[in-house]
């Protein structure tokens, strides 16, 4: 495994990936919020943090 991949695996917040997966599966932030029983700002913040970590939208 390359150094970059190792760093990604150790540094990623796996809850952010889970939230992203639910957003995709449910088709919207609102549906993901309901499925995860989280607030809209929490869902939006998780998505923003994942985008920052990945360096892409």
PDB file of N, CA and C in Angstrom:
ATOM      1  N   UNK A   1       0.855  -1.179   0.000  1.00  0.00           N
ATOM      2  CA  UNK A   1       0.000   0.000   0.000  1.00  0.00           C
ATOM      3  C   UNK A   1       0.896   1.235   0.000  1.00  0.00           C
ATOM      4  N   UNK A   2       0.529   2.218  -0.807  1.00  0.00           N
ATOM      5  CA  UNK A   2       1.346   3.414  -0.895  1.00  0.00           C
ATOM      6  C   UNK A   2       1.200   4.258   0.367  1.00  0.00           C
ATOM      7  N   UNK A   3       2.143   5.151   0.543  1.00  0.00           N
ATOM      8  CA  UNK A   3       2.138   6.039   1.719  1.00  0.00           C
ATOM      9  C   UNK A   3       0.861   6.878   1.775  1.00  0.00           C
ATOM     10  N   UNK A   4       0.431   7.379   0.614  1.00  0.00           N
ATOM     11  CA  UNK A   4      -0.776   8.214   0.566  1.00  0.00           C
ATOM     12  C   UNK A   4      -1.995   7.399   0.990  1.00  0.00           C
ATOM     13  N   UNK A   5      -2.110   6.192   0.507  1.00  0.00           N
ATOM     14  CA  UNK A   5      -3.248   5.340   0.867  1.00  0.00           C
ATOM     15  C   UNK A   5      -3.222   4.995   2.350  1.00  0.00           C
ATOM     16  N   UNK A   6      -2.066   4.703   2.878  1.00  0.00           N
ATOM     17  CA  UNK A   6      -1.961   4.403   4.308  1.00  0.00           C
ATOM     18  C   UNK A   6      -2.409   5.593   5.140  1.00  0.00           C
ATOM     19  N   UNK A   7      -1.937   6.772   4.749  1.00  0.00           N
ATOM     20  CA  UNK A   7      -2.293   7.982   5.482  1.00  0.00           C
ATOM     21  C   UNK A   7      -3.802   8.213   5.423  1.00  0.00           C
ATOM     22  N   UNK A   8      -4.394   8.008   4.237  1.00  0.00           N
ATOM     23  CA  UNK A   8      -5.840   8.173   4.092  1.00  0.00           C
ATOM     24  C   UNK A   8      -6.582   7.243   5.051  1.00  0.00           C
ATOM     25  N   UNK A   9      -6.193   5.989   5.070  1.00  0.00           N
ATOM     26  CA  UNK A   9      -6.867   5.002   5.917  1.00  0.00           C
ATOM     27  C   UNK A   9      -6.763   5.378   7.386  1.00  0.00           C
ATOM     28  N   UNK A  10      -5.633   5.895   7.814  1.00  0.00           N
ATOM     29  CA  UNK A  10      -5.451   6.236   9.225  1.00  0.00           C
ATOM     30  C   UNK A  10      -6.076   7.574   9.594  1.00  0.00           C
ATOM     31  N   UNK A  11      -6.204   8.491   8.628  1.00  0.00           N
ATOM     32  CA  UNK A  11      -6.675   9.840   8.937  1.00  0.00           C
ATOM     33  C   UNK A  11      -8.158  10.072   8.672  1.00  0.00           C
ATOM     34  N   UNK A  12      -8.791   9.229   7.860  1.00  0.00           N
ATOM     35  CA  UNK A  12     -10.192   9.474   7.508  1.00  0.00           C
ATOM     36  C   UNK A  12     -11.102   9.204   8.711  1.00  0.00           C
ATOM     37  N   UNK A  13     -12.113  10.022   8.827  1.00  0.00           N
ATOM     38  CA  UNK A  13     -13.159   9.798   9.822  1.00  0.00           C
ATOM     39  C   UNK A  13     -14.196   8.898   9.140  1.00  0.00           C
ATOM     40  N   UNK A  14     -14.240   7.642   9.527  1.00  0.00           N
ATOM     41  CA  UNK A  14     -15.090   6.668   8.854  1.00  0.00           C
ATOM     42  C   UNK A  14     -16.568   7.009   8.988  1.00  0.00           C
ATOM     43  N   UNK A  15     -16.953   7.781  10.002  1.00  0.00           N
ATOM     44  CA  UNK A  15     -18.339   8.231  10.124  1.00  0.00           C
ATOM     45  C   UNK A  15     -18.713   9.166   8.969  1.00  0.00           C
ATOM     46  N   UNK A  16     -17.736   9.939   8.481  1.00  0.00           N
ATOM     47  CA  UNK A  16     -18.001  10.815   7.344  1.00  0.00           C
ATOM     48  C   UNK A  16     -18.314   9.988   6.102  1.00  0.00           C
ATOM     49  N   UNK A  17     -17.574   8.913   5.895  1.00  0.00           N
ATOM     50  CA  UNK A  17     -17.832   8.045   4.746  1.00  0.00           C
ATOM     51  C   UNK A  17     -19.186   7.366   4.873  1.00  0.00           C
ATOM     52  N   UNK A  18     -19.521   6.960   6.086  1.00  0.00           N
ATOM     53  CA  UNK A  18     -20.831   6.342   6.313  1.00  0.00           C
ATOM     54  C   UNK A  18     -21.942   7.341   5.999  1.00  0.00           C
ATOM     55  N   UNK A  19     -21.790   8.564   6.462  1.00  0.00           N
ATOM     56  CA  UNK A  19     -22.787   9.594   6.191  1.00  0.00           C
ATOM     57  C   UNK A  19     -22.910   9.830   4.696  1.00  0.00           C
ATOM     58  N   UNK A  20     -21.784   9.925   4.004  1.00  0.00           N
ATOM     59  CA  UNK A  20     -21.799  10.122   2.555  1.00  0.00           C
ATOM     60  C   UNK A  20     -22.511   8.970   1.861  1.00  0.00           C
ATOM     61  N   UNK A  21     -22.229   7.757   2.279  1.00  0.00           N
ATOM     62  CA  UNK A  21     -22.869   6.580   1.688  1.00  0.00           C
ATOM     63  C   UNK A  21     -24.383   6.648   1.845  1.00  0.00           C
ATOM     64  N   UNK A  22     -24.847   7.050   3.023  1.00  0.00           N
ATOM     65  CA  UNK A  22     -26.291   7.156   3.252  1.00  0.00           C
ATOM     66  C   UNK A  22     -26.887   8.280   2.405  1.00  0.00           C
ATOM     67  N   UNK A  23     -26.174   9.400   2.258  1.00  0.00           N
ATOM     68  CA  UNK A  23     -26.649  10.492   1.396  1.00  0.00           C
ATOM     69  C   UNK A  23     -26.871   9.961  -0.025  1.00  0.00           C
ATOM     70  N   UNK A  24     -25.899   9.222  -0.535  1.00  0.00           N
ATOM     71  CA  UNK A  24     -26.002   8.679  -1.892  1.00  0.00           C
ATOM     72  C   UNK A  24     -27.142   7.671  -1.972  1.00  0.00           C
ATOM     73  N   UNK A  25     -27.215   6.758  -1.013  1.00  0.00           N
ATOM     74  CA  UNK A  25     -28.255   5.730  -1.036  1.00  0.00           C
ATOM     75  C   UNK A  25     -29.657   6.332  -0.954  1.00  0.00           C
ATOM     76  N   UNK A  26     -29.800   7.337  -0.108  1.00  0.00           N
ATOM     77  CA  UNK A  26     -31.123   7.941   0.108  1.00  0.00           C
ATOM     78  C   UNK A  26     -31.466   8.983  -0.944  1.00  0.00           C
ATOM     79  N   UNK A  27     -30.459   9.519  -1.632  1.00  0.00           N
ATOM     80  CA  UNK A  27     -30.704  10.450  -2.718  1.00  0.00           C
ATOM     81  C   UNK A  27     -30.820  11.912  -2.331  1.00  0.00           C
ATOM     82  N   UNK A  28     -30.725  12.217  -1.045  1.00  0.00           N
ATOM     83  CA  UNK A  28     -30.785  13.622  -0.627  1.00  0.00           C
ATOM     84  C   UNK A  28     -30.263  13.770   0.795  1.00  0.00           C
ATOM     85  N   UNK A  29     -29.882  15.002   1.114  1.00  0.00           N
ATOM     86  CA  UNK A  29     -29.428  15.293   2.477  1.00  0.00           C
ATOM     87  C   UNK A  29     -30.573  15.126   3.475  1.00  0.00           C
ATOM     88  N   UNK A  30     -31.762  15.546   3.077  1.00  0.00           N
ATOM     89  CA  UNK A  30     -32.917  15.456   3.974  1.00  0.00           C
ATOM     90  C   UNK A  30     -33.260  14.000   4.292  1.00  0.00           C
ATOM     91  N   UNK A  31     -33.275  13.156   3.282  1.00  0.00           N
ATOM     92  CA  UNK A  31     -33.571  11.742   3.506  1.00  0.00           C
ATOM     93  C   UNK A  31     -32.476  11.083   4.353  1.00  0.00           C
ATOM     94  N   UNK A  32     -31.233  11.466   4.109  1.00  0.00           N
ATOM     95  CA  UNK A  32     -30.122  10.932   4.917  1.00  0.00           C
ATOM     96  C   UNK A  32     -30.256  11.385   6.361  1.00  0.00           C
ATOM     97  N   UNK A  33     -30.650  12.645   6.565  1.00  0.00           N
ATOM     98  CA  UNK A  33     -30.863  13.166   7.913  1.00  0.00           C
ATOM     99  C   UNK A  33     -31.897  12.320   8.643  1.00  0.00           C
ATOM    100  N   UNK A  34     -32.996  12.030   7.973  1.00  0.00           N
ATOM    101  CA  UNK A  34     -34.054  11.231   8.588  1.00  0.00           C
ATOM    102  C   UNK A  34     -33.579   9.811   8.882  1.00  0.00           C
ATOM    103  N   UNK A  35     -32.883   9.215   7.942  1.00  0.00           N
ATOM    104  CA  UNK A  35     -32.393   7.832   8.097  1.00  0.00           C
ATOM    105  C   UNK A  35     -31.403   7.726   9.261  1.00  0.00           C
ATOM    106  N   UNK A  36     -30.520   8.728   9.382  1.00  0.00           N
ATOM    107  CA  UNK A  36     -29.483   8.692  10.415  1.00  0.00           C
ATOM    108  C   UNK A  36     -29.929   9.340  11.731  1.00  0.00           C
ATOM    109  N   UNK A  37     -31.120   9.945  11.731  1.00  0.00           N
ATOM    110  CA  UNK A  37     -31.634  10.658  12.917  1.00  0.00           C
ATOM    111  C   UNK A  37     -30.659  11.733  13.386  1.00  0.00           C
ATOM    112  N   UNK A  38     -30.171  12.512  12.416  1.00  0.00           N
ATOM    113  CA  UNK A  38     -29.256  13.612  12.702  1.00  0.00           C
ATOM    114  C   UNK A  38     -29.896  14.914  12.241  1.00  0.00           C
ATOM    115  N   UNK A  39     -29.343  16.025  12.691  1.00  0.00           N
ATOM    116  CA  UNK A  39     -29.852  17.327  12.245  1.00  0.00           C
ATOM    117  C   UNK A  39     -29.295  17.663  10.861  1.00  0.00           C
ATOM    118  N   UNK A  40     -29.992  18.549  10.166  1.00  0.00           N
ATOM    119  CA  UNK A  40     -29.533  18.991   8.842  1.00  0.00           C
ATOM    120  C   UNK A  40     -28.126  19.601   8.906  1.00  0.00           C
ATOM    121  N   UNK A  41     -27.845  20.485   9.899  1.00  0.00           N
ATOM    122  CA  UNK A  41     -26.481  21.035   9.971  1.00  0.00           C
ATOM    123  C   UNK A  41     -25.411  19.961  10.201  1.00  0.00           C
ATOM    124  N   UNK A  42     -25.751  18.921  10.946  1.00  0.00           N
ATOM    125  CA  UNK A  42     -24.787  17.845  11.189  1.00  0.00           C
ATOM    126  C   UNK A  42     -24.467  17.109   9.891  1.00  0.00           C
ATOM    127  N   UNK A  43     -25.492  16.825   9.094  1.00  0.00           N
ATOM    128  CA  UNK A  43     -25.290  16.153   7.810  1.00  0.00           C
ATOM    129  C   UNK A  43     -24.468  17.037   6.872  1.00  0.00           C
ATOM    130  N   UNK A  44     -24.837  18.299   6.779  1.00  0.00           N
ATOM    131  CA  UNK A  44     -24.122  19.230   5.903  1.00  0.00           C
ATOM    132  C   UNK A  44     -22.673  19.397   6.334  1.00  0.00           C
ATOM    133  N   UNK A  45     -22.450  19.482   7.633  1.00  0.00           N
ATOM    134  CA  UNK A  45     -21.094  19.629   8.162  1.00  0.00           C
ATOM    135  C   UNK A  45     -20.256  18.388   7.857  1.00  0.00           C
ATOM    136  N   UNK A  46     -20.844  17.215   7.995  1.00  0.00           N
ATOM    137  CA  UNK A  46     -20.118  15.979   7.690  1.00  0.00           C
ATOM    138  C   UNK A  46     -19.705  15.953   6.225  1.00  0.00           C
ATOM    139  N   UNK A  47     -20.617  16.349   5.348  1.00  0.00           N
ATOM    140  CA  UNK A  47     -20.306  16.371   3.918  1.00  0.00           C
ATOM    141  C   UNK A  47     -19.200  17.381   3.625  1.00  0.00           C
ATOM    142  N   UNK A  48     -19.277  18.555   4.237  1.00  0.00           N
ATOM    143  CA  UNK A  48     -18.237  19.586   4.043  1.00  0.00           C
ATOM    144  C   UNK A  48     -16.883  19.073   4.524  1.00  0.00           C
ATOM    145  N   UNK A  49     -16.848  18.431   5.684  1.00  0.00           N
ATOM    146  CA  UNK A  49     -15.584  17.912   6.225  1.00  0.00           C
ATOM    147  C   UNK A  49     -14.999  16.824   5.329  1.00  0.00           C
ATOM    148  N   UNK A  50     -15.856  15.974   4.781  1.00  0.00           N
ATOM    149  CA  UNK A  50     -15.371  14.935   3.873  1.00  0.00           C
ATOM    150  C   UNK A  50     -14.802  15.570   2.609  1.00  0.00           C
ATOM    151  N   UNK A  51     -15.487  16.576   2.073  1.00  0.00           N
ATOM    152  CA  UNK A  51     -14.992  17.284   0.888  1.00  0.00           C
ATOM    153  C   UNK A  51     -13.633  17.914   1.161  1.00  0.00           C
ATOM    154  N   UNK A  52     -13.467  18.514   2.326  1.00  0.00           N
ATOM    155  CA  UNK A  52     -12.191  19.112   2.683  1.00  0.00           C
ATOM    156  C   UNK A  52     -11.107  18.063   2.804  1.00  0.00           C
ATOM    157  N   UNK A  53     -11.429  16.939   3.411  1.00  0.00           N
ATOM    158  CA  UNK A  53     -10.441  15.870   3.584  1.00  0.00           C
ATOM    159  C   UNK A  53     -10.010  15.298   2.228  1.00  0.00           C
ATOM    160  N   UNK A  54     -10.989  15.158   1.323  1.00  0.00           N
ATOM    161  CA  UNK A  54     -10.699  14.581   0.010  1.00  0.00           C
ATOM    162  C   UNK A  54     -10.113  15.613  -0.944  1.00  0.00           C
ATOM    163  N   UNK A  55     -10.310  16.908  -0.643  1.00  0.00           N
ATOM    164  CA  UNK A  55      -9.820  17.954  -1.534  1.00  0.00           C
ATOM    165  C   UNK A  55     -10.651  18.081  -2.796  1.00  0.00           C
ATOM    166  N   UNK A  56     -11.928  17.672  -2.717  1.00  0.00           N
ATOM    167  CA  UNK A  56     -12.802  17.703  -3.881  1.00  0.00           C
ATOM    168  C   UNK A  56     -14.251  17.733  -3.407  1.00  0.00           C
ATOM    169  N   UNK A  57     -15.130  18.211  -4.266  1.00  0.00           N
ATOM    170  CA  UNK A  57     -16.558  18.221  -3.949  1.00  0.00           C
ATOM    171  C   UNK A  57     -17.209  16.955  -4.407  1.00  0.00           C
TER     172      UNK A  57
END
